[in-house]
């Protein structure tokens, strides 16, 4: 099970979000022209693009089951949030 303590630990949460944003900025150029949602594993830089949140999650879950990832809508990068894969 994903470590749910991140929900309560603002420092841990903010650090994860910062890593997620930085990882997104590193791969942003590779995502030009794609649509949907990208799920990013901030430590490795691995990412998975799907037409929907559920599809991006399904791809990510294969490699990172029940782990926190940073999800970003490609049409609106401000719509981003960490979630554990499910």
PDB file of N, CA and C in Angstrom:
ATOM      1  N   UNK A   1       0.847  -1.187   0.000  1.00  0.00           N
ATOM      2  CA  UNK A   1       0.000   0.000   0.000  1.00  0.00           C
ATOM      3  C   UNK A   1       0.887   1.243   0.000  1.00  0.00           C
ATOM      4  N   UNK A   2       0.490   2.221  -0.782  1.00  0.00           N
ATOM      5  CA  UNK A   2       1.239   3.483  -0.850  1.00  0.00           C
ATOM      6  C   UNK A   2       1.258   4.154   0.522  1.00  0.00           C
ATOM      7  N   UNK A   3       2.333   4.838   0.794  1.00  0.00           N
ATOM      8  CA  UNK A   3       2.499   5.523   2.074  1.00  0.00           C
ATOM      9  C   UNK A   3       1.528   6.709   2.147  1.00  0.00           C
ATOM     10  N   UNK A   4       0.439   6.539   2.872  1.00  0.00           N
ATOM     11  CA  UNK A   4      -0.585   7.580   2.961  1.00  0.00           C
ATOM     12  C   UNK A   4      -0.201   8.714   3.900  1.00  0.00           C
ATOM     13  N   UNK A   5       0.923   8.568   4.604  1.00  0.00           N
ATOM     14  CA  UNK A   5       1.344   9.636   5.519  1.00  0.00           C
ATOM     15  C   UNK A   5       1.637  10.934   4.769  1.00  0.00           C
ATOM     16  N   UNK A   6       1.888  10.836   3.464  1.00  0.00           N
ATOM     17  CA  UNK A   6       2.182  12.036   2.689  1.00  0.00           C
ATOM     18  C   UNK A   6       1.000  13.005   2.704  1.00  0.00           C
ATOM     19  N   UNK A   7      -0.222  12.478   2.825  1.00  0.00           N
ATOM     20  CA  UNK A   7      -1.402  13.347   2.900  1.00  0.00           C
ATOM     21  C   UNK A   7      -1.327  14.296   4.092  1.00  0.00           C
ATOM     22  N   UNK A   8      -0.730  13.840   5.188  1.00  0.00           N
ATOM     23  CA  UNK A   8      -0.699  14.628   6.414  1.00  0.00           C
ATOM     24  C   UNK A   8       0.605  15.397   6.604  1.00  0.00           C
ATOM     25  N   UNK A   9       1.656  14.974   5.942  1.00  0.00           N
ATOM     26  CA  UNK A   9       2.977  15.573   6.110  1.00  0.00           C
ATOM     27  C   UNK A   9       3.211  16.596   5.001  1.00  0.00           C
ATOM     28  N   UNK A  10       2.959  17.868   5.309  1.00  0.00           N
ATOM     29  CA  UNK A  10       3.055  18.929   4.295  1.00  0.00           C
ATOM     30  C   UNK A  10       4.461  19.028   3.696  1.00  0.00           C
ATOM     31  N   UNK A  11       5.468  18.826   4.513  1.00  0.00           N
ATOM     32  CA  UNK A  11       6.843  18.910   4.015  1.00  0.00           C
ATOM     33  C   UNK A  11       7.109  17.803   2.988  1.00  0.00           C
ATOM     34  N   UNK A  12       6.679  16.597   3.319  1.00  0.00           N
ATOM     35  CA  UNK A  12       6.841  15.460   2.412  1.00  0.00           C
ATOM     36  C   UNK A  12       6.028  15.694   1.133  1.00  0.00           C
ATOM     37  N   UNK A  13       4.802  16.176   1.298  1.00  0.00           N
ATOM     38  CA  UNK A  13       3.921  16.462   0.169  1.00  0.00           C
ATOM     39  C   UNK A  13       4.558  17.506  -0.756  1.00  0.00           C
ATOM     40  N   UNK A  14       4.995  18.614  -0.176  1.00  0.00           N
ATOM     41  CA  UNK A  14       5.587  19.692  -0.975  1.00  0.00           C
ATOM     42  C   UNK A  14       6.866  19.251  -1.675  1.00  0.00           C
ATOM     43  N   UNK A  15       7.671  18.424  -1.019  1.00  0.00           N
ATOM     44  CA  UNK A  15       8.898  17.917  -1.638  1.00  0.00           C
ATOM     45  C   UNK A  15       8.563  17.028  -2.829  1.00  0.00           C
ATOM     46  N   UNK A  16       7.533  16.190  -2.686  1.00  0.00           N
ATOM     47  CA  UNK A  16       7.138  15.316  -3.784  1.00  0.00           C
ATOM     48  C   UNK A  16       6.600  16.140  -4.953  1.00  0.00           C
ATOM     49  N   UNK A  17       5.773  17.132  -4.662  1.00  0.00           N
ATOM     50  CA  UNK A  17       5.230  17.998  -5.712  1.00  0.00           C
ATOM     51  C   UNK A  17       6.368  18.726  -6.440  1.00  0.00           C
ATOM     52  N   UNK A  18       7.340  19.216  -5.700  1.00  0.00           N
ATOM     53  CA  UNK A  18       8.478  19.910  -6.322  1.00  0.00           C
ATOM     54  C   UNK A  18       9.243  18.975  -7.252  1.00  0.00           C
ATOM     55  N   UNK A  19       9.470  17.744  -6.811  1.00  0.00           N
ATOM     56  CA  UNK A  19      10.151  16.764  -7.665  1.00  0.00           C
ATOM     57  C   UNK A  19       9.312  16.444  -8.900  1.00  0.00           C
ATOM     58  N   UNK A  20       8.000  16.333  -8.704  1.00  0.00           N
ATOM     59  CA  UNK A  20       7.105  16.047  -9.831  1.00  0.00           C
ATOM     60  C   UNK A  20       7.117  17.165 -10.854  1.00  0.00           C
ATOM     61  N   UNK A  21       7.056  18.403 -10.382  1.00  0.00           N
ATOM     62  CA  UNK A  21       7.093  19.554 -11.286  1.00  0.00           C
ATOM     63  C   UNK A  21       8.411  19.613 -12.045  1.00  0.00           C
ATOM     64  N   UNK A  22       9.508  19.370 -11.349  1.00  0.00           N
ATOM     65  CA  UNK A  22      10.825  19.395 -11.993  1.00  0.00           C
ATOM     66  C   UNK A  22      10.919  18.292 -13.046  1.00  0.00           C
ATOM     67  N   UNK A  23      10.415  17.109 -12.730  1.00  0.00           N
ATOM     68  CA  UNK A  23      10.433  16.003 -13.688  1.00  0.00           C
ATOM     69  C   UNK A  23       9.583  16.345 -14.906  1.00  0.00           C
ATOM     70  N   UNK A  24       8.429  16.970 -14.678  1.00  0.00           N
ATOM     71  CA  UNK A  24       7.578  17.362 -15.799  1.00  0.00           C
ATOM     72  C   UNK A  24       8.294  18.372 -16.693  1.00  0.00           C
ATOM     73  N   UNK A  25       8.950  19.334 -16.102  1.00  0.00           N
ATOM     74  CA  UNK A  25       9.667  20.342 -16.895  1.00  0.00           C
ATOM     75  C   UNK A  25      10.769  19.696 -17.738  1.00  0.00           C
ATOM     76  N   UNK A  26      11.436  18.665 -17.208  1.00  0.00           N
ATOM     77  CA  UNK A  26      12.490  17.979 -17.959  1.00  0.00           C
ATOM     78  C   UNK A  26      11.942  17.253 -19.183  1.00  0.00           C
ATOM     79  N   UNK A  27      10.721  16.719 -19.099  1.00  0.00           N
ATOM     80  CA  UNK A  27      10.171  15.929 -20.215  1.00  0.00           C
ATOM     81  C   UNK A  27       9.166  16.693 -21.053  1.00  0.00           C
ATOM     82  N   UNK A  28       8.865  17.898 -20.664  1.00  0.00           N
ATOM     83  CA  UNK A  28       7.812  18.683 -21.329  1.00  0.00           C
ATOM     84  C   UNK A  28       7.984  18.737 -22.845  1.00  0.00           C
ATOM     85  N   UNK A  29       9.198  18.940 -23.322  1.00  0.00           N
ATOM     86  CA  UNK A  29       9.458  19.010 -24.761  1.00  0.00           C
ATOM     87  C   UNK A  29       9.119  17.723 -25.491  1.00  0.00           C
ATOM     88  N   UNK A  30       9.287  16.596 -24.828  1.00  0.00           N
ATOM     89  CA  UNK A  30       8.968  15.298 -25.433  1.00  0.00           C
ATOM     90  C   UNK A  30       7.460  15.081 -25.558  1.00  0.00           C
ATOM     91  N   UNK A  31       6.679  15.856 -24.822  1.00  0.00           N
ATOM     92  CA  UNK A  31       5.229  15.649 -24.778  1.00  0.00           C
ATOM     93  C   UNK A  31       4.453  16.588 -25.700  1.00  0.00           C
ATOM     94  N   UNK A  32       5.164  17.477 -26.388  1.00  0.00           N
ATOM     95  CA  UNK A  32       4.498  18.433 -27.280  1.00  0.00           C
ATOM     96  C   UNK A  32       3.689  17.667 -28.324  1.00  0.00           C
ATOM     97  N   UNK A  33       2.449  18.076 -28.489  1.00  0.00           N
ATOM     98  CA  UNK A  33       1.562  17.454 -29.464  1.00  0.00           C
ATOM     99  C   UNK A  33       0.769  16.278 -28.934  1.00  0.00           C
ATOM    100  N   UNK A  34       1.108  15.815 -27.743  1.00  0.00           N
ATOM    101  CA  UNK A  34       0.354  14.714 -27.161  1.00  0.00           C
ATOM    102  C   UNK A  34      -0.798  15.266 -26.336  1.00  0.00           C
ATOM    103  N   UNK A  35      -1.816  14.458 -26.164  1.00  0.00           N
ATOM    104  CA  UNK A  35      -2.980  14.869 -25.389  1.00  0.00           C
ATOM    105  C   UNK A  35      -3.234  13.871 -24.276  1.00  0.00           C
ATOM    106  N   UNK A  36      -3.953  14.311 -23.276  1.00  0.00           N
ATOM    107  CA  UNK A  36      -4.342  13.432 -22.188  1.00  0.00           C
ATOM    108  C   UNK A  36      -3.638  13.777 -20.903  1.00  0.00           C
ATOM    109  N   UNK A  37      -3.204  12.738 -20.216  1.00  0.00           N
ATOM    110  CA  UNK A  37      -2.602  12.870 -18.892  1.00  0.00           C
ATOM    111  C   UNK A  37      -1.278  12.109 -18.886  1.00  0.00           C
ATOM    112  N   UNK A  38      -0.298  12.685 -18.218  1.00  0.00           N
ATOM    113  CA  UNK A  38       0.974  12.000 -18.034  1.00  0.00           C
ATOM    114  C   UNK A  38       1.141  11.677 -16.556  1.00  0.00           C
ATOM    115  N   UNK A  39       1.560  10.443 -16.286  1.00  0.00           N
ATOM    116  CA  UNK A  39       1.883   9.999 -14.928  1.00  0.00           C
ATOM    117  C   UNK A  39       3.400   9.912 -14.860  1.00  0.00           C
ATOM    118  N   UNK A  40       3.996  10.606 -13.896  1.00  0.00           N
ATOM    119  CA  UNK A  40       5.450  10.681 -13.811  1.00  0.00           C
ATOM    120  C   UNK A  40       5.932  10.094 -12.487  1.00  0.00           C
ATOM    121  N   UNK A  41       6.935   9.229 -12.565  1.00  0.00           N
ATOM    122  CA  UNK A  41       7.616   8.740 -11.377  1.00  0.00           C
ATOM    123  C   UNK A  41       8.826   9.655 -11.210  1.00  0.00           C
ATOM    124  N   UNK A  42       8.778  10.589 -10.255  1.00  0.00           N
ATOM    125  CA  UNK A  42       9.787  11.637 -10.175  1.00  0.00           C
ATOM    126  C   UNK A  42      11.227  11.171  -9.958  1.00  0.00           C
ATOM    127  N   UNK A  43      11.444  10.087  -9.236  1.00  0.00           N
ATOM    128  CA  UNK A  43      12.804   9.639  -8.954  1.00  0.00           C
ATOM    129  C   UNK A  43      13.495   9.111 -10.213  1.00  0.00           C
ATOM    130  N   UNK A  44      12.809   8.291 -10.965  1.00  0.00           N
ATOM    131  CA  UNK A  44      13.407   7.670 -12.154  1.00  0.00           C
ATOM    132  C   UNK A  44      13.238   8.526 -13.405  1.00  0.00           C
ATOM    133  N   UNK A  45      12.184   9.361 -13.407  1.00  0.00           N
ATOM    134  CA  UNK A  45      11.862  10.123 -14.608  1.00  0.00           C
ATOM    135  C   UNK A  45      10.990   9.345 -15.571  1.00  0.00           C
ATOM    136  N   UNK A  46      10.636   8.105 -15.232  1.00  0.00           N
ATOM    137  CA  UNK A  46       9.739   7.325 -16.082  1.00  0.00           C
ATOM    138  C   UNK A  46       8.399   8.028 -16.172  1.00  0.00           C
ATOM    139  N   UNK A  47       7.787   7.980 -17.348  1.00  0.00           N
ATOM    140  CA  UNK A  47       6.474   8.586 -17.489  1.00  0.00           C
ATOM    141  C   UNK A  47       5.608   7.768 -18.426  1.00  0.00           C
ATOM    142  N   UNK A  48       4.299   7.944 -18.267  1.00  0.00           N
ATOM    143  CA  UNK A  48       3.303   7.167 -18.980  1.00  0.00           C
ATOM    144  C   UNK A  48       2.187   8.108 -19.410  1.00  0.00           C
ATOM    145  N   UNK A  49       1.891   8.134 -20.702  1.00  0.00           N
ATOM    146  CA  UNK A  49       0.871   9.035 -21.233  1.00  0.00           C
ATOM    147  C   UNK A  49      -0.358   8.223 -21.597  1.00  0.00           C
ATOM    148  N   UNK A  50      -1.513   8.695 -21.138  1.00  0.00           N
ATOM    149  CA  UNK A  50      -2.772   8.061 -21.476  1.00  0.00           C
ATOM    150  C   UNK A  50      -3.799   9.117 -21.836  1.00  0.00           C
ATOM    151  N   UNK A  51      -4.812   8.717 -22.572  1.00  0.00           N
ATOM    152  CA  UNK A  51      -5.864   9.648 -22.995  1.00  0.00           C
ATOM    153  C   UNK A  51      -6.638  10.199 -21.799  1.00  0.00           C
ATOM    154  N   UNK A  52      -6.685   9.427 -20.723  1.00  0.00           N
ATOM    155  CA  UNK A  52      -7.396   9.840 -19.509  1.00  0.00           C
ATOM    156  C   UNK A  52      -6.520   9.545 -18.290  1.00  0.00           C
ATOM    157  N   UNK A  53      -6.926  10.050 -17.149  1.00  0.00           N
ATOM    158  CA  UNK A  53      -6.226   9.760 -15.906  1.00  0.00           C
ATOM    159  C   UNK A  53      -6.180   8.254 -15.668  1.00  0.00           C
ATOM    160  N   UNK A  54      -7.301   7.592 -15.871  1.00  0.00           N
ATOM    161  CA  UNK A  54      -7.368   6.147 -15.663  1.00  0.00           C
ATOM    162  C   UNK A  54      -6.438   5.374 -16.574  1.00  0.00           C
ATOM    163  N   UNK A  55      -6.325   5.802 -17.828  1.00  0.00           N
ATOM    164  CA  UNK A  55      -5.442   5.104 -18.769  1.00  0.00           C
ATOM    165  C   UNK A  55      -3.973   5.352 -18.452  1.00  0.00           C
ATOM    166  N   UNK A  56      -3.627   6.572 -18.071  1.00  0.00           N
ATOM    167  CA  UNK A  56      -2.244   6.859 -17.663  1.00  0.00           C
ATOM    168  C   UNK A  56      -1.911   6.047 -16.415  1.00  0.00           C
ATOM    169  N   UNK A  57      -2.844   5.970 -15.493  1.00  0.00           N
ATOM    170  CA  UNK A  57      -2.643   5.189 -14.278  1.00  0.00           C
ATOM    171  C   UNK A  57      -2.456   3.717 -14.601  1.00  0.00           C
ATOM    172  N   UNK A  58      -3.281   3.164 -15.489  1.00  0.00           N
ATOM    173  CA  UNK A  58      -3.182   1.739 -15.824  1.00  0.00           C
ATOM    174  C   UNK A  58      -1.800   1.404 -16.393  1.00  0.00           C
ATOM    175  N   UNK A  59      -1.272   2.280 -17.230  1.00  0.00           N
ATOM    176  CA  UNK A  59       0.068   2.067 -17.784  1.00  0.00           C
ATOM    177  C   UNK A  59       1.126   2.146 -16.694  1.00  0.00           C
ATOM    178  N   UNK A  60       1.014   3.143 -15.828  1.00  0.00           N
ATOM    179  CA  UNK A  60       1.990   3.333 -14.756  1.00  0.00           C
ATOM    180  C   UNK A  60       1.928   2.198 -13.732  1.00  0.00           C
ATOM    181  N   UNK A  61       0.725   1.723 -13.461  1.00  0.00           N
ATOM    182  CA  UNK A  61       0.534   0.677 -12.450  1.00  0.00           C
ATOM    183  C   UNK A  61       1.300  -0.592 -12.803  1.00  0.00           C
ATOM    184  N   UNK A  62       1.451  -0.858 -14.097  1.00  0.00           N
ATOM    185  CA  UNK A  62       2.165  -2.068 -14.527  1.00  0.00           C
ATOM    186  C   UNK A  62       3.603  -2.083 -13.991  1.00  0.00           C
ATOM    187  N   UNK A  63       4.228  -0.918 -13.936  1.00  0.00           N
ATOM    188  CA  UNK A  63       5.609  -0.844 -13.453  1.00  0.00           C
ATOM    189  C   UNK A  63       5.691  -0.371 -12.005  1.00  0.00           C
ATOM    190  N   UNK A  64       4.739   0.456 -11.601  1.00  0.00           N
ATOM    191  CA  UNK A  64       4.762   1.060 -10.257  1.00  0.00           C
ATOM    192  C   UNK A  64       3.440   0.815  -9.529  1.00  0.00           C
ATOM    193  N   UNK A  65       3.162  -0.436  -9.172  1.00  0.00           N
ATOM    194  CA  UNK A  65       1.897  -0.706  -8.477  1.00  0.00           C
ATOM    195  C   UNK A  65       1.873  -0.075  -7.092  1.00  0.00           C
ATOM    196  N   UNK A  66       0.778   0.616  -6.820  1.00  0.00           N
ATOM    197  CA  UNK A  66       0.542   1.189  -5.498  1.00  0.00           C
ATOM    198  C   UNK A  66       1.691   2.088  -5.036  1.00  0.00           C
ATOM    199  N   UNK A  67       2.138   2.950  -5.924  1.00  0.00           N
ATOM    200  CA  UNK A  67       3.214   3.885  -5.610  1.00  0.00           C
ATOM    201  C   UNK A  67       2.765   5.289  -5.998  1.00  0.00           C
ATOM    202  N   UNK A  68       3.254   6.286  -5.286  1.00  0.00           N
ATOM    203  CA  UNK A  68       2.917   7.674  -5.594  1.00  0.00           C
ATOM    204  C   UNK A  68       3.542   8.108  -6.909  1.00  0.00           C
ATOM    205  N   UNK A  69       2.740   8.723  -7.763  1.00  0.00           N
ATOM    206  CA  UNK A  69       3.206   9.316  -9.015  1.00  0.00           C
ATOM    207  C   UNK A  69       2.626  10.714  -9.117  1.00  0.00           C
ATOM    208  N   UNK A  70       3.202  11.501  -9.989  1.00  0.00           N
ATOM    209  CA  UNK A  70       2.748  12.873 -10.213  1.00  0.00           C
ATOM    210  C   UNK A  70       1.987  12.885 -11.532  1.00  0.00           C
ATOM    211  N   UNK A  71       0.703  13.197 -11.475  1.00  0.00           N
ATOM    212  CA  UNK A  71      -0.167  13.193 -12.653  1.00  0.00           C
ATOM    213  C   UNK A  71      -0.397  14.626 -13.133  1.00  0.00           C
ATOM    214  N   UNK A  72      -0.262  14.839 -14.448  1.00  0.00           N
ATOM    215  CA  UNK A  72      -0.397  16.172 -15.039  1.00  0.00           C
ATOM    216  C   UNK A  72      -1.282  16.099 -16.278  1.00  0.00           C
ATOM    217  N   UNK A  73      -2.264  16.979 -16.358  1.00  0.00           N
ATOM    218  CA  UNK A  73      -3.055  17.106 -17.589  1.00  0.00           C
ATOM    219  C   UNK A  73      -2.228  17.875 -18.607  1.00  0.00           C
ATOM    220  N   UNK A  74      -2.070  17.319 -19.790  1.00  0.00           N
ATOM    221  CA  UNK A  74      -1.215  17.946 -20.788  1.00  0.00           C
ATOM    222  C   UNK A  74      -1.817  19.216 -21.371  1.00  0.00           C
ATOM    223  N   UNK A  75      -3.133  19.339 -21.371  1.00  0.00           N
ATOM    224  CA  UNK A  75      -3.758  20.561 -21.892  1.00  0.00           C
ATOM    225  C   UNK A  75      -3.812  21.665 -20.837  1.00  0.00           C
ATOM    226  N   UNK A  76      -3.479  21.327 -19.585  1.00  0.00           N
ATOM    227  CA  UNK A  76      -3.492  22.301 -18.504  1.00  0.00           C
ATOM    228  C   UNK A  76      -2.524  21.840 -17.410  1.00  0.00           C
ATOM    229  N   UNK A  77      -1.219  22.090 -17.582  1.00  0.00           N
ATOM    230  CA  UNK A  77      -0.241  21.603 -16.618  1.00  0.00           C
ATOM    231  C   UNK A  77      -0.444  22.092 -15.180  1.00  0.00           C
ATOM    232  N   UNK A  78      -1.241  23.138 -15.001  1.00  0.00           N
ATOM    233  CA  UNK A  78      -1.547  23.573 -13.625  1.00  0.00           C
ATOM    234  C   UNK A  78      -2.484  22.585 -12.941  1.00  0.00           C
ATOM    235  N   UNK A  79      -3.151  21.759 -13.727  1.00  0.00           N
ATOM    236  CA  UNK A  79      -4.027  20.715 -13.176  1.00  0.00           C
ATOM    237  C   UNK A  79      -3.152  19.477 -12.963  1.00  0.00           C
ATOM    238  N   UNK A  80      -2.453  19.456 -11.851  1.00  0.00           N
ATOM    239  CA  UNK A  80      -1.529  18.375 -11.555  1.00  0.00           C
ATOM    240  C   UNK A  80      -1.658  18.010 -10.085  1.00  0.00           C
ATOM    241  N   UNK A  81      -1.413  16.719  -9.789  1.00  0.00           N
ATOM    242  CA  UNK A  81      -1.469  16.298  -8.394  1.00  0.00           C
ATOM    243  C   UNK A  81      -0.810  14.937  -8.218  1.00  0.00           C
ATOM    244  N   UNK A  82      -0.266  14.720  -7.046  1.00  0.00           N
ATOM    245  CA  UNK A  82       0.260  13.404  -6.727  1.00  0.00           C
ATOM    246  C   UNK A  82      -0.890  12.472  -6.358  1.00  0.00           C
ATOM    247  N   UNK A  83      -0.776  11.238  -6.813  1.00  0.00           N
ATOM    248  CA  UNK A  83      -1.735  10.199  -6.461  1.00  0.00           C
ATOM    249  C   UNK A  83      -0.997   8.869  -6.427  1.00  0.00           C
ATOM    250  N   UNK A  84      -1.416   7.968  -5.551  1.00  0.00           N
ATOM    251  CA  UNK A  84      -0.862   6.617  -5.658  1.00  0.00           C
ATOM    252  C   UNK A  84      -1.561   5.887  -6.804  1.00  0.00           C
ATOM    253  N   UNK A  85      -0.810   5.047  -7.498  1.00  0.00           N
ATOM    254  CA  UNK A  85      -1.448   4.266  -8.564  1.00  0.00           C
ATOM    255  C   UNK A  85      -2.423   3.284  -7.914  1.00  0.00           C
ATOM    256  N   UNK A  86      -3.432   2.947  -8.663  1.00  0.00           N
ATOM    257  CA  UNK A  86      -4.475   2.043  -8.127  1.00  0.00           C
ATOM    258  C   UNK A  86      -4.868   0.998  -9.124  1.00  0.00           C
TER     259      UNK A  86
END
